[in-house]
C-alpha cells in the first residue's frame, strides 16, 4: 500500500473544509453571541452550555485541519464557559476576544 499523494490529500481536506465551514461559522457565531450576552449581563445557563459545547466542537474541527492556534483558543473558551470563570468580571472581555480571534482564523483558512 503506497503513500497517498499530498495534493490529493490536500484537495480532499479542502473539500471537507468547504463542507463543514457553515457549521464552523455557526459555532463561532454562538461564541460571539454568548460573549455579547456576557458583557450585557444576560448570559443564560443554556447559552453558557451551548457556548461550551460549540467551543469543544470547534477545537476538534480546527485541530483536524491543522489549525492548532485555533484549537488552543477554542479550548480556552471551552474552559471559561465550563468552569464558570466566564461570569467573573475579570474575564468579561476575554470570551469576545477569543471569538474574534477564532473568526479570524476561520476566515484566514478561507474556502
C-alpha atoms as a PDB file:
ATOM      1  CA  UNK A   1       0.000   0.000   0.000  1.00  0.00           C
ATOM      2  CA  UNK A   2       1.552   3.301  -1.074  1.00  0.00           C
ATOM      3  CA  UNK A   3       1.701   6.710   0.479  1.00  0.00           C
ATOM      4  CA  UNK A   4      -1.208   8.971  -0.510  1.00  0.00           C
ATOM      5  CA  UNK A   5      -0.440  11.779  -2.898  1.00  0.00           C
ATOM      6  CA  UNK A   6      -0.121  15.003  -0.822  1.00  0.00           C
ATOM      7  CA  UNK A   7      -2.025  17.049  -3.405  1.00  0.00           C
ATOM      8  CA  UNK A   8      -4.924  14.579  -3.385  1.00  0.00           C
ATOM      9  CA  UNK A   9      -4.990  14.662   0.399  1.00  0.00           C
ATOM     10  CA  UNK A  10      -4.895  18.483   0.423  1.00  0.00           C
ATOM     11  CA  UNK A  11      -7.724  18.588  -2.109  1.00  0.00           C
ATOM     12  CA  UNK A  12      -9.809  16.217  -0.005  1.00  0.00           C
ATOM     13  CA  UNK A  13      -9.179  18.309   3.109  1.00  0.00           C
ATOM     14  CA  UNK A  14     -10.205  21.453   1.228  1.00  0.00           C
ATOM     15  CA  UNK A  15     -13.463  19.788   0.150  1.00  0.00           C
ATOM     16  CA  UNK A  16     -14.144  18.787   3.750  1.00  0.00           C
ATOM     17  CA  UNK A  17     -13.379  22.303   4.952  1.00  0.00           C
ATOM     18  CA  UNK A  18     -15.868  23.766   2.490  1.00  0.00           C
ATOM     19  CA  UNK A  19     -18.452  21.192   3.527  1.00  0.00           C
ATOM     20  CA  UNK A  20     -18.099  21.955   7.234  1.00  0.00           C
ATOM     21  CA  UNK A  21     -17.457  25.695   7.004  1.00  0.00           C
ATOM     22  CA  UNK A  22     -21.115  26.705   7.544  1.00  0.00           C
ATOM     23  CA  UNK A  23     -21.219  24.624  10.760  1.00  0.00           C
ATOM     24  CA  UNK A  24     -17.923  26.060  11.953  1.00  0.00           C
ATOM     25  CA  UNK A  25     -19.101  29.618  11.282  1.00  0.00           C
ATOM     26  CA  UNK A  26     -22.380  28.920  13.092  1.00  0.00           C
ATOM     27  CA  UNK A  27     -20.479  27.675  16.128  1.00  0.00           C
ATOM     28  CA  UNK A  28     -18.223  30.732  16.134  1.00  0.00           C
ATOM     29  CA  UNK A  29     -21.378  32.859  15.980  1.00  0.00           C
ATOM     30  CA  UNK A  30     -22.637  31.033  19.066  1.00  0.00           C
ATOM     31  CA  UNK A  31     -19.439  32.076  20.883  1.00  0.00           C
ATOM     32  CA  UNK A  32     -19.853  35.663  19.675  1.00  0.00           C
ATOM     33  CA  UNK A  33     -23.464  35.814  20.901  1.00  0.00           C
ATOM     34  CA  UNK A  34     -22.526  34.291  24.252  1.00  0.00           C
ATOM     35  CA  UNK A  35     -19.702  36.799  24.684  1.00  0.00           C
ATOM     36  CA  UNK A  36     -22.055  39.678  23.861  1.00  0.00           C
ATOM     37  CA  UNK A  37     -24.629  38.365  26.339  1.00  0.00           C
ATOM     38  CA  UNK A  38     -21.918  38.088  28.957  1.00  0.00           C
ATOM     39  CA  UNK A  39     -20.956  41.726  28.508  1.00  0.00           C
ATOM     40  CA  UNK A  40     -24.636  42.715  28.700  1.00  0.00           C
ATOM     41  CA  UNK A  41     -25.057  40.623  31.839  1.00  0.00           C
ATOM     42  CA  UNK A  42     -27.717  38.451  30.213  1.00  0.00           C
ATOM     43  CA  UNK A  43     -25.840  35.183  29.612  1.00  0.00           C
ATOM     44  CA  UNK A  44     -28.198  32.322  30.417  1.00  0.00           C
ATOM     45  CA  UNK A  45     -27.134  28.889  31.611  1.00  0.00           C
ATOM     46  CA  UNK A  46     -28.367  27.475  28.293  1.00  0.00           C
ATOM     47  CA  UNK A  47     -26.228  29.937  26.319  1.00  0.00           C
ATOM     48  CA  UNK A  48     -23.228  29.127  28.502  1.00  0.00           C
ATOM     49  CA  UNK A  49     -23.684  25.382  27.931  1.00  0.00           C
ATOM     50  CA  UNK A  50     -24.152  25.871  24.189  1.00  0.00           C
ATOM     51  CA  UNK A  51     -21.019  28.046  24.027  1.00  0.00           C
ATOM     52  CA  UNK A  52     -19.049  25.422  25.939  1.00  0.00           C
ATOM     53  CA  UNK A  53     -20.251  22.636  23.644  1.00  0.00           C
ATOM     54  CA  UNK A  54     -19.596  24.616  20.461  1.00  0.00           C
ATOM     55  CA  UNK A  55     -16.144  25.662  21.664  1.00  0.00           C
ATOM     56  CA  UNK A  56     -15.344  21.987  22.251  1.00  0.00           C
ATOM     57  CA  UNK A  57     -16.502  21.086  18.738  1.00  0.00           C
ATOM     58  CA  UNK A  58     -14.569  23.982  17.196  1.00  0.00           C
ATOM     59  CA  UNK A  59     -11.410  22.835  18.976  1.00  0.00           C
ATOM     60  CA  UNK A  60     -11.738  19.370  17.480  1.00  0.00           C
ATOM     61  CA  UNK A  61     -12.523  20.504  13.965  1.00  0.00           C
ATOM     62  CA  UNK A  62      -9.755  23.094  13.827  1.00  0.00           C
ATOM     63  CA  UNK A  63      -7.305  20.507  15.127  1.00  0.00           C
ATOM     64  CA  UNK A  64      -8.341  18.135  12.353  1.00  0.00           C
ATOM     65  CA  UNK A  65      -7.449  20.820   9.826  1.00  0.00           C
ATOM     66  CA  UNK A  66      -4.107  21.575  11.463  1.00  0.00           C
ATOM     67  CA  UNK A  67      -5.197  24.945  12.828  1.00  0.00           C
ATOM     68  CA  UNK A  68      -3.572  24.416  16.204  1.00  0.00           C
ATOM     69  CA  UNK A  69      -3.712  28.078  17.333  1.00  0.00           C
ATOM     70  CA  UNK A  70      -7.481  27.960  16.802  1.00  0.00           C
ATOM     71  CA  UNK A  71      -7.721  24.728  18.728  1.00  0.00           C
ATOM     72  CA  UNK A  72      -5.953  26.329  21.687  1.00  0.00           C
ATOM     73  CA  UNK A  73      -8.234  29.385  21.587  1.00  0.00           C
ATOM     74  CA  UNK A  74     -11.331  27.207  21.398  1.00  0.00           C
ATOM     75  CA  UNK A  75     -10.108  25.094  24.315  1.00  0.00           C
ATOM     76  CA  UNK A  76      -9.615  28.253  26.352  1.00  0.00           C
ATOM     77  CA  UNK A  77     -13.169  29.347  25.520  1.00  0.00           C
ATOM     78  CA  UNK A  78     -14.475  25.907  26.452  1.00  0.00           C
ATOM     79  CA  UNK A  79     -12.646  26.082  29.777  1.00  0.00           C
ATOM     80  CA  UNK A  80     -14.010  29.544  30.533  1.00  0.00           C
ATOM     81  CA  UNK A  81     -17.587  28.547  29.805  1.00  0.00           C
ATOM     82  CA  UNK A  82     -17.381  25.161  31.535  1.00  0.00           C
ATOM     83  CA  UNK A  83     -15.695  26.372  34.694  1.00  0.00           C
ATOM     84  CA  UNK A  84     -17.966  29.267  35.469  1.00  0.00           C
ATOM     85  CA  UNK A  85     -14.994  31.633  35.248  1.00  0.00           C
ATOM     86  CA  UNK A  86     -16.808  33.345  32.422  1.00  0.00           C
ATOM     87  CA  UNK A  87     -19.074  35.023  34.934  1.00  0.00           C
ATOM     88  CA  UNK A  88     -16.244  36.786  36.720  1.00  0.00           C
ATOM     89  CA  UNK A  89     -15.856  40.422  35.773  1.00  0.00           C
ATOM     90  CA  UNK A  90     -12.132  39.966  35.158  1.00  0.00           C
ATOM     91  CA  UNK A  91     -12.789  37.702  32.180  1.00  0.00           C
ATOM     92  CA  UNK A  92     -15.661  39.623  30.580  1.00  0.00           C
ATOM     93  CA  UNK A  93     -13.588  40.774  27.608  1.00  0.00           C
ATOM     94  CA  UNK A  94     -11.722  37.525  27.025  1.00  0.00           C
ATOM     95  CA  UNK A  95     -14.611  35.482  25.568  1.00  0.00           C
ATOM     96  CA  UNK A  96     -15.262  38.182  22.953  1.00  0.00           C
ATOM     97  CA  UNK A  97     -11.553  38.323  22.165  1.00  0.00           C
ATOM     98  CA  UNK A  98     -11.424  34.547  21.763  1.00  0.00           C
ATOM     99  CA  UNK A  99     -14.468  34.538  19.476  1.00  0.00           C
ATOM    100  CA  UNK A 100     -12.974  37.318  17.376  1.00  0.00           C
ATOM    101  CA  UNK A 101      -9.656  35.520  17.043  1.00  0.00           C
ATOM    102  CA  UNK A 102     -11.432  32.291  16.101  1.00  0.00           C
ATOM    103  CA  UNK A 103     -13.460  34.159  13.488  1.00  0.00           C
ATOM    104  CA  UNK A 104     -10.177  35.454  12.037  1.00  0.00           C
ATOM    105  CA  UNK A 105      -8.574  32.004  11.940  1.00  0.00           C
ATOM    106  CA  UNK A 106     -11.606  30.531  10.209  1.00  0.00           C
ATOM    107  CA  UNK A 107     -11.707  33.392   7.692  1.00  0.00           C
ATOM    108  CA  UNK A 108      -7.965  33.104   7.038  1.00  0.00           C
ATOM    109  CA  UNK A 109      -8.343  29.387   6.231  1.00  0.00           C
ATOM    110  CA  UNK A 110     -10.881  30.512   3.665  1.00  0.00           C
ATOM    111  CA  UNK A 111     -12.657  28.396   1.145  1.00  0.00           C
END
